[in-house]
Amino acid sequence: MAITQQIAKHFREAYDGGNWTGSNLKDAVNGVSWEQAVQKADGLNSIAALVFHINYYVDLIIKVLERKPLEGHDKYSFNLPPLQSSNDWEDLLNKAWANAEKFVKLVEQLPDEKLSDTFAVEKYGNYYRNLEGVIQHTHYHLGQIVVIKKLILQGKGY
């Protein structure tokens, strides 16, 4: 299996399951109401803010994979528009799932030789670093989502 195929598989598993961590984003947010999604627990980010944040970086990488300019900034990565209904929450999730699928398809099409190329701007390193980095980033925030969900379900949200 090509390296890019393996990267795409690892990314998909972070969303859909089957990875060696035994957790995934879809299961983590399953059953979370929009009210719970926007609730903060112990001063932490909300689940919705973390889903938005994860997807923000996936979206930026998609643009580069589509040969578009890298236009984004860390300071905007938590700028979640207000969620005021279950439809807003479902829209956020559906956008994340669609972007995940788009990301996988683009990475699967990427030749392994591209992995060592500069990713958009030299300071960001190469493609490999960014593709693996977004998987690590997803797992990092997935862990936070799982903990926040437990806190909320235990009535420790504020």
Foldseek 3Di string as FASTA:
>chain_A
DAPLLVLLVLLVCQAVNDDPVRDHDVVLCPPQAVVQQCFAFPPDGGVLLLLQLLQVLLVQQLCLLVVHARDDDPVCSRVDDDDDHRVSVVVSVVSSVVSSVSSSVSSVPDHNVQQQPQRNDPVCGGNVCSSVVSSVSSVVVSVVSNVSSVCVVVVRTD
